[in-house]
C-alpha atoms as a PDB file:
ATOM      1  CA  UNK A   1      45.342  72.192  29.003  1.00  0.00           C
ATOM      2  CA  UNK A   2      43.146  73.087  31.925  1.00  0.00           C
ATOM      3  CA  UNK A   3      40.235  71.787  30.043  1.00  0.00           C
ATOM      4  CA  UNK A   4      41.847  68.420  29.538  1.00  0.00           C
ATOM      5  CA  UNK A   5      42.946  68.194  33.258  1.00  0.00           C
ATOM      6  CA  UNK A   6      39.677  69.271  34.506  1.00  0.00           C
ATOM      7  CA  UNK A   7      38.073  66.369  32.528  1.00  0.00           C
ATOM      8  CA  UNK A   8      38.981  62.783  32.545  1.00  0.00           C
ATOM      9  CA  UNK A   9      42.534  63.156  34.191  1.00  0.00           C
ATOM     10  CA  UNK A  10      41.280  65.303  37.033  1.00  0.00           C
ATOM     11  CA  UNK A  11      38.616  62.641  37.913  1.00  0.00           C
ATOM     12  CA  UNK A  12      41.536  59.948  38.157  1.00  0.00           C
ATOM     13  CA  UNK A  13      43.507  62.323  40.055  1.00  0.00           C
ATOM     14  CA  UNK A  14      40.747  62.967  42.495  1.00  0.00           C
ATOM     15  CA  UNK A  15      39.947  59.376  43.028  1.00  0.00           C
ATOM     16  CA  UNK A  16      43.672  58.189  43.556  1.00  0.00           C
ATOM     17  CA  UNK A  17      45.606  61.182  45.212  1.00  0.00           C
ATOM     18  CA  UNK A  18      45.462  62.321  48.750  1.00  0.00           C
ATOM     19  CA  UNK A  19      42.838  65.111  49.123  1.00  0.00           C
ATOM     20  CA  UNK A  20      45.331  67.893  50.143  1.00  0.00           C
ATOM     21  CA  UNK A  21      47.620  67.241  47.105  1.00  0.00           C
ATOM     22  CA  UNK A  22      44.673  67.134  44.887  1.00  0.00           C
ATOM     23  CA  UNK A  23      43.512  70.886  46.130  1.00  0.00           C
ATOM     24  CA  UNK A  24      47.228  72.127  45.713  1.00  0.00           C
ATOM     25  CA  UNK A  25      46.990  70.829  42.274  1.00  0.00           C
ATOM     26  CA  UNK A  26      43.853  72.127  41.560  1.00  0.00           C
ATOM     27  CA  UNK A  27      44.306  75.709  42.891  1.00  0.00           C
ATOM     28  CA  UNK A  28      47.744  76.105  41.100  1.00  0.00           C
ATOM     29  CA  UNK A  29      47.237  75.694  37.582  1.00  0.00           C
ATOM     30  CA  UNK A  30      50.893  76.387  36.488  1.00  0.00           C
ATOM     31  CA  UNK A  31      53.863  74.297  35.098  1.00  0.00           C
ATOM     32  CA  UNK A  32      54.193  72.923  38.746  1.00  0.00           C
ATOM     33  CA  UNK A  33      50.599  71.782  38.569  1.00  0.00           C
ATOM     34  CA  UNK A  34      51.231  70.305  35.065  1.00  0.00           C
ATOM     35  CA  UNK A  35      54.256  68.531  36.556  1.00  0.00           C
ATOM     36  CA  UNK A  36      52.333  67.190  39.548  1.00  0.00           C
ATOM     37  CA  UNK A  37      49.508  66.009  37.118  1.00  0.00           C
ATOM     38  CA  UNK A  38      51.937  64.058  34.855  1.00  0.00           C
ATOM     39  CA  UNK A  39      53.845  62.676  37.875  1.00  0.00           C
ATOM     40  CA  UNK A  40      50.486  61.458  39.661  1.00  0.00           C
ATOM     41  CA  UNK A  41      49.644  59.812  36.518  1.00  0.00           C
ATOM     42  CA  UNK A  42      52.929  58.074  36.051  1.00  0.00           C
ATOM     43  CA  UNK A  43      52.834  56.821  39.767  1.00  0.00           C
ATOM     44  CA  UNK A  44      49.340  55.616  39.187  1.00  0.00           C
ATOM     45  CA  UNK A  45      50.208  53.774  36.142  1.00  0.00           C
ATOM     46  CA  UNK A  46      53.317  52.257  37.791  1.00  0.00           C
ATOM     47  CA  UNK A  47      51.419  51.140  40.678  1.00  0.00           C
ATOM     48  CA  UNK A  48      48.528  49.417  38.311  1.00  0.00           C
ATOM     49  CA  UNK A  49      51.373  47.768  36.199  1.00  0.00           C
ATOM     50  CA  UNK A  50      53.129  46.547  39.079  1.00  0.00           C
ATOM     51  CA  UNK A  51      50.006  44.984  40.560  1.00  0.00           C
ATOM     52  CA  UNK A  52      49.292  43.343  37.206  1.00  0.00           C
ATOM     53  CA  UNK A  53      52.769  41.937  36.797  1.00  0.00           C
ATOM     54  CA  UNK A  54      52.527  40.256  40.206  1.00  0.00           C
ATOM     55  CA  UNK A  55      49.122  38.683  39.190  1.00  0.00           C
ATOM     56  CA  UNK A  56      50.466  37.419  35.830  1.00  0.00           C
ATOM     57  CA  UNK A  57      53.651  36.148  37.448  1.00  0.00           C
ATOM     58  CA  UNK A  58      51.645  34.215  40.133  1.00  0.00           C
ATOM     59  CA  UNK A  59      49.421  32.873  37.358  1.00  0.00           C
ATOM     60  CA  UNK A  60      52.316  31.935  35.387  1.00  0.00           C
ATOM     61  CA  UNK A  61      53.980  29.999  38.277  1.00  0.00           C
ATOM     62  CA  UNK A  62      50.624  28.438  39.160  1.00  0.00           C
ATOM     63  CA  UNK A  63      50.104  27.027  35.704  1.00  0.00           C
ATOM     64  CA  UNK A  64      53.619  25.798  35.218  1.00  0.00           C
ATOM     65  CA  UNK A  65      53.477  23.783  38.553  1.00  0.00           C
ATOM     66  CA  UNK A  66      52.690  20.132  38.547  1.00  0.00           C
ATOM     67  CA  UNK A  67      50.418  20.460  41.690  1.00  0.00           C
ATOM     68  CA  UNK A  68      50.134  24.127  42.306  1.00  0.00           C
ATOM     69  CA  UNK A  69      48.493  25.818  45.341  1.00  0.00           C
ATOM     70  CA  UNK A  70      46.422  28.034  43.376  1.00  0.00           C
ATOM     71  CA  UNK A  71      47.350  31.916  44.107  1.00  0.00           C
ATOM     72  CA  UNK A  72      47.193  31.278  47.832  1.00  0.00           C
ATOM     73  CA  UNK A  73      44.324  33.726  48.021  1.00  0.00           C
ATOM     74  CA  UNK A  74      46.242  36.475  46.374  1.00  0.00           C
ATOM     75  CA  UNK A  75      44.007  37.178  43.449  1.00  0.00           C
ATOM     76  CA  UNK A  76      40.148  37.114  42.713  1.00  0.00           C
ATOM     77  CA  UNK A  77      38.296  33.886  42.388  1.00  0.00           C
ATOM     78  CA  UNK A  78      37.755  34.482  38.665  1.00  0.00           C
ATOM     79  CA  UNK A  79      41.553  34.106  37.915  1.00  0.00           C
ATOM     80  CA  UNK A  80      41.691  31.156  40.330  1.00  0.00           C
ATOM     81  CA  UNK A  81      39.058  29.395  38.251  1.00  0.00           C
ATOM     82  CA  UNK A  82      40.806  30.408  35.121  1.00  0.00           C
ATOM     83  CA  UNK A  83      44.066  29.057  36.287  1.00  0.00           C
ATOM     84  CA  UNK A  84      42.558  25.778  37.276  1.00  0.00           C
ATOM     85  CA  UNK A  85      40.960  25.267  33.667  1.00  0.00           C
ATOM     86  CA  UNK A  86      44.339  26.008  32.285  1.00  0.00           C
ATOM     87  CA  UNK A  87      45.979  23.316  34.567  1.00  0.00           C
ATOM     88  CA  UNK A  88      43.279  20.736  33.835  1.00  0.00           C
ATOM     89  CA  UNK A  89      43.692  21.444  30.142  1.00  0.00           C
ATOM     90  CA  UNK A  90      47.370  21.203  30.411  1.00  0.00           C
ATOM     91  CA  UNK A  91      46.892  17.724  32.329  1.00  0.00           C
ATOM     92  CA  UNK A  92      44.548  16.607  29.647  1.00  0.00           C
ATOM     93  CA  UNK A  93      47.044  17.336  27.021  1.00  0.00           C
ATOM     94  CA  UNK A  94      49.715  15.294  28.776  1.00  0.00           C
ATOM     95  CA  UNK A  95      47.214  12.339  29.283  1.00  0.00           C
ATOM     96  CA  UNK A  96      46.409  12.404  25.550  1.00  0.00           C
ATOM     97  CA  UNK A  97      50.060  12.404  24.542  1.00  0.00           C
ATOM     98  CA  UNK A  98      50.922   9.535  26.891  1.00  0.00           C
ATOM     99  CA  UNK A  99      47.850   7.579  25.493  1.00  0.00           C
ATOM    100  CA  UNK A 100      49.103   8.325  22.050  1.00  0.00           C
ATOM    101  CA  UNK A 101      52.498   6.982  22.668  1.00  0.00           C
ATOM    102  CA  UNK A 102      51.184   3.949  24.283  1.00  0.00           C
ATOM    103  CA  UNK A 103      48.785   3.125  21.304  1.00  0.00           C
ATOM    104  CA  UNK A 104      51.840   3.714  19.083  1.00  0.00           C
ATOM    105  CA  UNK A 105      53.989   1.427  20.977  1.00  0.00           C
ATOM    106  CA  UNK A 106      51.389  -1.300  21.140  1.00  0.00           C
ATOM    107  CA  UNK A 107      50.722  -1.067  17.299  1.00  0.00           C
ATOM    108  CA  UNK A 108      54.562  -1.454  16.767  1.00  0.00           C
ATOM    109  CA  UNK A 109      54.440  -4.485  19.051  1.00  0.00           C
ATOM    110  CA  UNK A 110      51.592  -6.051  17.271  1.00  0.00           C
ATOM    111  CA  UNK A 111      53.377  -5.665  13.898  1.00  0.00           C
ATOM    112  CA  UNK A 112      56.529  -7.104  15.387  1.00  0.00           C
ATOM    113  CA  UNK A 113      54.752 -10.155  16.960  1.00  0.00           C
ATOM    114  CA  UNK A 114      52.686 -10.613  14.005  1.00  0.00           C
ATOM    115  CA  UNK A 115      55.819 -10.841  11.549  1.00  0.00           C
ATOM    116  CA  UNK A 116      57.483 -13.123  14.127  1.00  0.00           C
ATOM    117  CA  UNK A 117      54.843 -15.416  15.061  1.00  0.00           C
ATOM    118  CA  UNK A 118      53.233 -15.927  11.439  1.00  0.00           C
ATOM    119  CA  UNK A 119      56.635 -16.465  10.002  1.00  0.00           C
ATOM    120  CA  UNK A 120      57.487 -19.768  11.873  1.00  0.00           C
ATOM    121  CA  UNK A 121      54.520 -21.942  10.875  1.00  0.00           C
ATOM    122  CA  UNK A 122      54.449 -20.228   7.179  1.00  0.00           C
ATOM    123  CA  UNK A 123      58.095 -21.108   6.754  1.00  0.00           C
ATOM    124  CA  UNK A 124      57.310 -24.708   7.719  1.00  0.00           C
ATOM    125  CA  UNK A 125      54.337 -25.043   5.284  1.00  0.00           C
ATOM    126  CA  UNK A 126      56.533 -23.548   2.439  1.00  0.00           C
ATOM    127  CA  UNK A 127      59.372 -25.854   3.336  1.00  0.00           C
ATOM    128  CA  UNK A 128      57.480 -29.146   3.228  1.00  0.00           C
ATOM    129  CA  UNK A 129      55.412 -28.277   0.307  1.00  0.00           C
ATOM    130  CA  UNK A 130      58.632 -27.402  -1.678  1.00  0.00           C
ATOM    131  CA  UNK A 131      60.083 -30.739  -0.741  1.00  0.00           C
ATOM    132  CA  UNK A 132      56.883 -32.325  -1.941  1.00  0.00           C
ATOM    133  CA  UNK A 133      57.182 -30.343  -5.101  1.00  0.00           C
ATOM    134  CA  UNK A 134      60.871 -31.169  -5.725  1.00  0.00           C
ATOM    135  CA  UNK A 135      61.032 -34.868  -4.866  1.00  0.00           C
ATOM    136  CA  UNK A 136      58.354 -36.475  -7.104  1.00  0.00           C
ATOM    137  CA  UNK A 137      59.460 -39.985  -6.133  1.00  0.00           C
ATOM    138  CA  UNK A 138      59.109 -39.743  -2.456  1.00  0.00           C
ATOM    139  CA  UNK A 139      57.775 -42.840  -0.796  1.00  0.00           C
ATOM    140  CA  UNK A 140      53.964 -42.700  -0.124  1.00  0.00           C
ATOM    141  CA  UNK A 141      54.591 -42.990   3.695  1.00  0.00           C
ATOM    142  CA  UNK A 142      56.985 -39.914   3.667  1.00  0.00           C
ATOM    143  CA  UNK A 143      54.987 -38.024   1.337  1.00  0.00           C
ATOM    144  CA  UNK A 144      51.934 -38.421   3.723  1.00  0.00           C
ATOM    145  CA  UNK A 145      54.029 -37.459   6.708  1.00  0.00           C
ATOM    146  CA  UNK A 146      55.184 -34.220   5.067  1.00  0.00           C
ATOM    147  CA  UNK A 147      51.519 -33.422   4.157  1.00  0.00           C
ATOM    148  CA  UNK A 148      50.372 -33.985   7.652  1.00  0.00           C
ATOM    149  CA  UNK A 149      53.167 -31.812   9.080  1.00  0.00           C
ATOM    150  CA  UNK A 150      52.382 -28.927   6.645  1.00  0.00           C
ATOM    151  CA  UNK A 151      48.485 -29.356   7.317  1.00  0.00           C
ATOM    152  CA  UNK A 152      49.185 -29.029  11.127  1.00  0.00           C
ATOM    153  CA  UNK A 153      51.346 -26.039  10.538  1.00  0.00           C
ATOM    154  CA  UNK A 154      48.757 -24.392   8.283  1.00  0.00           C
ATOM    155  CA  UNK A 155      46.099 -25.108  11.038  1.00  0.00           C
ATOM    156  CA  UNK A 156      48.456 -23.434  13.474  1.00  0.00           C
ATOM    157  CA  UNK A 157      48.742 -20.482  11.033  1.00  0.00           C
ATOM    158  CA  UNK A 158      45.048 -20.092  11.017  1.00  0.00           C
ATOM    159  CA  UNK A 159      44.771 -20.360  14.946  1.00  0.00           C
ATOM    160  CA  UNK A 160      47.274 -17.531  15.330  1.00  0.00           C
ATOM    161  CA  UNK A 161      45.302 -15.298  12.942  1.00  0.00           C
ATOM    162  CA  UNK A 162      42.172 -16.024  14.522  1.00  0.00           C
ATOM    163  CA  UNK A 163      43.701 -15.128  17.880  1.00  0.00           C
ATOM    164  CA  UNK A 164      45.218 -11.787  16.637  1.00  0.00           C
ATOM    165  CA  UNK A 165      41.557 -11.000  15.246  1.00  0.00           C
ATOM    166  CA  UNK A 166      40.095 -11.969  18.744  1.00  0.00           C
ATOM    167  CA  UNK A 167      42.415  -9.538  20.609  1.00  0.00           C
ATOM    168  CA  UNK A 168      41.957  -6.779  18.229  1.00  0.00           C
ATOM    169  CA  UNK A 169      38.089  -6.970  18.398  1.00  0.00           C
ATOM    170  CA  UNK A 170      38.302  -7.444  22.310  1.00  0.00           C
ATOM    171  CA  UNK A 171      40.379  -4.183  22.369  1.00  0.00           C
ATOM    172  CA  UNK A 172      38.053  -2.286  20.356  1.00  0.00           C
ATOM    173  CA  UNK A 173      35.307  -3.488  22.719  1.00  0.00           C
ATOM    174  CA  UNK A 174      33.148  -4.308  19.709  1.00  0.00           C
ATOM    175  CA  UNK A 175      32.571  -7.892  20.812  1.00  0.00           C
ATOM    176  CA  UNK A 176      29.335  -8.630  22.747  1.00  0.00           C
ATOM    177  CA  UNK A 177      28.572 -11.437  25.116  1.00  0.00           C
ATOM    178  CA  UNK A 178      25.584 -13.568  24.232  1.00  0.00           C
ATOM    179  CA  UNK A 179      24.584 -14.568  27.729  1.00  0.00           C
ATOM    180  CA  UNK A 180      22.338 -17.596  28.858  1.00  0.00           C
ATOM    181  CA  UNK A 181      22.008 -20.083  31.657  1.00  0.00           C
ATOM    182  CA  UNK A 182      25.245 -22.148  31.689  1.00  0.00           C
ATOM    183  CA  UNK A 183      25.986 -25.134  33.901  1.00  0.00           C
ATOM    184  CA  UNK A 184      29.506 -24.331  34.506  1.00  0.00           C
ATOM    185  CA  UNK A 185      30.099 -27.853  36.255  1.00  0.00           C
ATOM    186  CA  UNK A 186      29.227 -29.711  32.867  1.00  0.00           C
ATOM    187  CA  UNK A 187      31.311 -27.220  30.984  1.00  0.00           C
ATOM    188  CA  UNK A 188      34.523 -27.616  33.017  1.00  0.00           C
ATOM    189  CA  UNK A 189      34.052 -31.327  32.970  1.00  0.00           C
ATOM    190  CA  UNK A 190      33.693 -31.484  29.159  1.00  0.00           C
ATOM    191  CA  UNK A 191      36.601 -29.338  28.653  1.00  0.00           C
ATOM    192  CA  UNK A 192      38.940 -31.519  30.815  1.00  0.00           C
ATOM    193  CA  UNK A 193      37.757 -34.613  28.928  1.00  0.00           C
ATOM    194  CA  UNK A 194      39.060 -33.177  25.890  1.00  0.00           C
ATOM    195  CA  UNK A 195      42.597 -32.969  27.158  1.00  0.00           C
ATOM    196  CA  UNK A 196      42.740 -36.742  27.773  1.00  0.00           C
ATOM    197  CA  UNK A 197      45.101 -37.360  25.049  1.00  0.00           C
ATOM    198  CA  UNK A 198      47.545 -34.508  26.129  1.00  0.00           C
ATOM    199  CA  UNK A 199      47.251 -35.860  29.869  1.00  0.00           C
ATOM    200  CA  UNK A 200      48.144 -39.447  28.683  1.00  0.00           C
ATOM    201  CA  UNK A 201      51.213 -38.212  26.692  1.00  0.00           C
ATOM    202  CA  UNK A 202      52.835 -36.427  29.768  1.00  0.00           C
ATOM    203  CA  UNK A 203      51.585 -39.072  32.270  1.00  0.00           C
ATOM    204  CA  UNK A 204      49.394 -36.154  34.079  1.00  0.00           C
ATOM    205  CA  UNK A 205      46.645 -36.756  36.495  1.00  0.00           C
ATOM    206  CA  UNK A 206      43.743 -34.285  36.899  1.00  0.00           C
ATOM    207  CA  UNK A 207      42.190 -34.086  40.374  1.00  0.00           C
ATOM    208  CA  UNK A 208      38.826 -32.500  40.409  1.00  0.00           C
ATOM    209  CA  UNK A 209      36.989 -30.794  43.138  1.00  0.00           C
ATOM    210  CA  UNK A 210      33.935 -29.206  41.233  1.00  0.00           C
ATOM    211  CA  UNK A 211      30.661 -28.619  42.968  1.00  0.00           C
ATOM    212  CA  UNK A 212      27.313 -29.846  41.353  1.00  0.00           C
ATOM    213  CA  UNK A 213      25.163 -27.467  39.482  1.00  0.00           C
ATOM    214  CA  UNK A 214      27.278 -24.383  39.360  1.00  0.00           C
ATOM    215  CA  UNK A 215      24.736 -22.280  37.346  1.00  0.00           C
ATOM    216  CA  UNK A 216      25.652 -18.806  36.074  1.00  0.00           C
ATOM    217  CA  UNK A 217      24.483 -16.529  33.308  1.00  0.00           C
ATOM    218  CA  UNK A 218      27.216 -16.211  30.875  1.00  0.00           C
ATOM    219  CA  UNK A 219      28.486 -16.544  27.478  1.00  0.00           C
ATOM    220  CA  UNK A 220      29.151 -20.309  27.066  1.00  0.00           C
ATOM    221  CA  UNK A 221      31.406 -20.145  24.142  1.00  0.00           C
ATOM    222  CA  UNK A 222      33.681 -17.357  25.528  1.00  0.00           C
ATOM    223  CA  UNK A 223      33.808 -19.003  28.891  1.00  0.00           C
ATOM    224  CA  UNK A 224      34.814 -22.290  27.076  1.00  0.00           C
ATOM    225  CA  UNK A 225      37.695 -20.193  25.451  1.00  0.00           C
ATOM    226  CA  UNK A 226      38.996 -18.989  28.632  1.00  0.00           C
ATOM    227  CA  UNK A 227      39.094 -22.423  30.439  1.00  0.00           C
ATOM    228  CA  UNK A 228      40.532 -24.160  27.373  1.00  0.00           C
ATOM    229  CA  UNK A 229      43.317 -21.619  27.396  1.00  0.00           C
ATOM    230  CA  UNK A 230      43.983 -21.995  31.180  1.00  0.00           C
ATOM    231  CA  UNK A 231      43.896 -25.833  30.982  1.00  0.00           C
ATOM    232  CA  UNK A 232      45.947 -25.916  27.903  1.00  0.00           C
ATOM    233  CA  UNK A 233      48.657 -23.810  29.807  1.00  0.00           C
ATOM    234  CA  UNK A 234      48.476 -25.936  32.710  1.00  0.00           C
ATOM    235  CA  UNK A 235      49.177 -29.068  30.830  1.00  0.00           C
ATOM    236  CA  UNK A 236      52.067 -27.378  28.640  1.00  0.00           C
ATOM    237  CA  UNK A 237      53.852 -26.010  31.537  1.00  0.00           C
ATOM    238  CA  UNK A 238      53.425 -29.106  33.863  1.00  0.00           C
ATOM    239  CA  UNK A 239      56.271 -31.476  34.731  1.00  0.00           C
ATOM    240  CA  UNK A 240      55.809 -35.029  33.508  1.00  0.00           C
ATOM    241  CA  UNK A 241      54.179 -37.419  36.016  1.00  0.00           C
ATOM    242  CA  UNK A 242      52.495 -34.677  38.157  1.00  0.00           C
ATOM    243  CA  UNK A 243      49.023 -33.601  39.132  1.00  0.00           C
ATOM    244  CA  UNK A 244      46.817 -30.651  38.008  1.00  0.00           C
ATOM    245  CA  UNK A 245      44.221 -29.654  40.441  1.00  0.00           C
ATOM    246  CA  UNK A 246      40.811 -28.132  39.245  1.00  0.00           C
ATOM    247  CA  UNK A 247      38.294 -26.919  41.969  1.00  0.00           C
ATOM    248  CA  UNK A 248      35.130 -24.892  41.596  1.00  0.00           C
ATOM    249  CA  UNK A 249      32.854 -23.708  44.133  1.00  0.00           C
ATOM    250  CA  UNK A 250      30.100 -21.195  44.814  1.00  0.00           C
ATOM    251  CA  UNK A 251      30.309 -18.489  47.596  1.00  0.00           C
ATOM    252  CA  UNK A 252      28.509 -15.416  48.269  1.00  0.00           C
ATOM    253  CA  UNK A 253      27.092 -14.834  44.916  1.00  0.00           C
ATOM    254  CA  UNK A 254      30.267 -15.827  43.042  1.00  0.00           C
ATOM    255  CA  UNK A 255      31.799 -18.908  41.565  1.00  0.00           C
ATOM    256  CA  UNK A 256      35.467 -19.414  42.082  1.00  0.00           C
ATOM    257  CA  UNK A 257      37.470 -21.634  39.795  1.00  0.00           C
ATOM    258  CA  UNK A 258      41.042 -22.610  40.624  1.00  0.00           C
ATOM    259  CA  UNK A 259      43.604 -24.354  38.362  1.00  0.00           C
ATOM    260  CA  UNK A 260      46.892 -25.604  39.920  1.00  0.00           C
ATOM    261  CA  UNK A 261      49.797 -27.303  38.371  1.00  0.00           C
ATOM    262  CA  UNK A 262      53.376 -28.196  39.117  1.00  0.00           C
ATOM    263  CA  UNK A 263      56.287 -26.763  36.953  1.00  0.00           C
ATOM    264  CA  UNK A 264      58.982 -24.173  36.747  1.00  0.00           C
ATOM    265  CA  UNK A 265      58.732 -21.323  39.488  1.00  0.00           C
ATOM    266  CA  UNK A 266      57.733 -18.138  37.906  1.00  0.00           C
ATOM    267  CA  UNK A 267      59.318 -15.195  39.428  1.00  0.00           C
ATOM    268  CA  UNK A 268      57.147 -12.289  40.927  1.00  0.00           C
ATOM    269  CA  UNK A 269      58.251  -9.750  38.374  1.00  0.00           C
ATOM    270  CA  UNK A 270      57.271 -12.062  35.550  1.00  0.00           C
ATOM    271  CA  UNK A 271      54.080 -13.452  37.167  1.00  0.00           C
ATOM    272  CA  UNK A 272      52.339  -9.816  37.276  1.00  0.00           C
ATOM    273  CA  UNK A 273      52.779  -9.562  33.563  1.00  0.00           C
ATOM    274  CA  UNK A 274      51.569 -12.961  32.201  1.00  0.00           C
ATOM    275  CA  UNK A 275      48.127 -11.460  31.313  1.00  0.00           C
ATOM    276  CA  UNK A 276      49.878  -9.036  29.153  1.00  0.00           C
ATOM    277  CA  UNK A 277      49.429  -9.424  25.390  1.00  0.00           C
ATOM    278  CA  UNK A 278      52.213 -11.511  23.781  1.00  0.00           C
ATOM    279  CA  UNK A 279      54.047 -11.837  27.077  1.00  0.00           C
ATOM    280  CA  UNK A 280      55.731 -15.283  27.604  1.00  0.00           C
ATOM    281  CA  UNK A 281      57.048 -15.987  31.220  1.00  0.00           C
ATOM    282  CA  UNK A 282      59.382 -18.712  29.432  1.00  0.00           C
ATOM    283  CA  UNK A 283      60.169 -17.531  25.835  1.00  0.00           C
ATOM    284  CA  UNK A 284      62.261 -20.751  25.293  1.00  0.00           C
ATOM    285  CA  UNK A 285      59.195 -22.958  25.438  1.00  0.00           C
ATOM    286  CA  UNK A 286      57.484 -21.111  22.472  1.00  0.00           C
ATOM    287  CA  UNK A 287      58.367 -23.778  19.936  1.00  0.00           C
ATOM    288  CA  UNK A 288      57.387 -26.739  22.130  1.00  0.00           C
ATOM    289  CA  UNK A 289      54.023 -25.250  23.307  1.00  0.00           C
ATOM    290  CA  UNK A 290      52.981 -23.279  20.304  1.00  0.00           C
ATOM    291  CA  UNK A 291      52.141 -20.336  22.455  1.00  0.00           C
ATOM    292  CA  UNK A 292      51.565 -16.926  20.808  1.00  0.00           C
ATOM    293  CA  UNK A 293      51.386 -15.091  24.130  1.00  0.00           C
ATOM    294  CA  UNK A 294      47.761 -14.215  23.530  1.00  0.00           C
ATOM    295  CA  UNK A 295      45.792 -16.929  25.408  1.00  0.00           C
ATOM    296  CA  UNK A 296      45.984 -15.457  28.917  1.00  0.00           C
ATOM    297  CA  UNK A 297      45.382 -11.875  27.566  1.00  0.00           C
ATOM    298  CA  UNK A 298      42.153 -12.979  25.850  1.00  0.00           C
ATOM    299  CA  UNK A 299      41.074 -15.120  28.983  1.00  0.00           C
ATOM    300  CA  UNK A 300      41.537 -11.982  30.833  1.00  0.00           C
ATOM    301  CA  UNK A 301      39.503  -9.738  28.817  1.00  0.00           C
ATOM    302  CA  UNK A 302      36.703 -12.297  28.495  1.00  0.00           C
ATOM    303  CA  UNK A 303      36.438 -12.704  32.164  1.00  0.00           C
ATOM    304  CA  UNK A 304      36.317  -8.875  32.650  1.00  0.00           C
ATOM    305  CA  UNK A 305      33.660  -8.610  30.029  1.00  0.00           C
ATOM    306  CA  UNK A 306      31.466 -10.935  32.490  1.00  0.00           C
ATOM    307  CA  UNK A 307      32.366  -8.538  35.303  1.00  0.00           C
ATOM    308  CA  UNK A 308      34.776 -11.073  36.877  1.00  0.00           C
ATOM    309  CA  UNK A 309      38.386 -11.158  37.817  1.00  0.00           C
ATOM    310  CA  UNK A 310      41.353 -13.364  37.110  1.00  0.00           C
ATOM    311  CA  UNK A 311      44.729 -13.540  39.030  1.00  0.00           C
ATOM    312  CA  UNK A 312      47.804 -15.658  39.203  1.00  0.00           C
ATOM    313  CA  UNK A 313      50.135 -16.827  41.918  1.00  0.00           C
ATOM    314  CA  UNK A 314      53.237 -19.207  42.193  1.00  0.00           C
ATOM    315  CA  UNK A 315      54.877 -20.443  45.115  1.00  0.00           C
ATOM    316  CA  UNK A 316      57.656 -23.451  45.052  1.00  0.00           C
ATOM    317  CA  UNK A 317      56.724 -24.175  41.376  1.00  0.00           C
ATOM    318  CA  UNK A 318      52.947 -24.289  42.162  1.00  0.00           C
ATOM    319  CA  UNK A 319      51.226 -22.039  39.710  1.00  0.00           C
ATOM    320  CA  UNK A 320      47.622 -21.121  40.700  1.00  0.00           C
ATOM    321  CA  UNK A 321      45.263 -19.412  38.279  1.00  0.00           C
ATOM    322  CA  UNK A 322      41.992 -18.155  40.079  1.00  0.00           C
ATOM    323  CA  UNK A 323      38.816 -16.822  38.044  1.00  0.00           C
ATOM    324  CA  UNK A 324      36.077 -15.443  40.056  1.00  0.00           C
ATOM    325  CA  UNK A 325      32.688 -14.756  38.216  1.00  0.00           C
ATOM    326  CA  UNK A 326      29.662 -13.236  39.373  1.00  0.00           C
ATOM    327  CA  UNK A 327      26.620 -15.778  39.273  1.00  0.00           C
END
């Protein structure tokens, strides 16, 4: 027994017990000495276990806190670093789970809107073609009318499918811009002229305030898609016999295009969402306008692909869409 105590255990006692107590134990190698040896070891073990439990408790609380005050200087830097890494990992897991849930919700929304929006024109196509199939003796004029309606609905169905493909490609960031020198003045005037029949139908007047030779480097086709969507919205949601204002100017290396129209007032809580996919500020207008709720979302992503920004405002029924593009 003495050989054991004079070995490793004696060294531990020498390093941890008061010097006088160690000499007492070392000089009296009796049962009392054995008892003191064991007692000393137990005391030392308890102290170290207690300290370790404190560190583990602090580490556990630190990791579980949302914004922990790491250990408050109560443990070595190595444990602080380890705790921080654990918290970072925990935060990353939460963010990944949140992103996964959002992606799952968006996928479900896409399926719902696909089914809903594609069903309407498809039902019309089937209905009119069924009438043509069943009524063989329809007058030529009525038959031509039904064929025309079915064809219009088929075109609408094709447009919806193209829009869904566009928004999917834009979300995946696989689309690239083919940039070249674009005269935005000419582009805007051309697009406005294309809306002449719709303007005449609603007795709308377009007031233009577009600077000459607004030149920028951009993808002309995609910008045309943006402003076609914005003008179409302005026409669709304008009151009859009102004005639509289109202004464009260059300032400090940017070109700002503003489109204003007079229509129903859009509440602030809806205005902040009009660039969300599938969102309609007024769902009741869907059938009359043919809107899929994708036009503004696509426009926003195209503008952002050009490092620009788009915003909306509405006061007393005057809706204003602003697009800012870098030259």
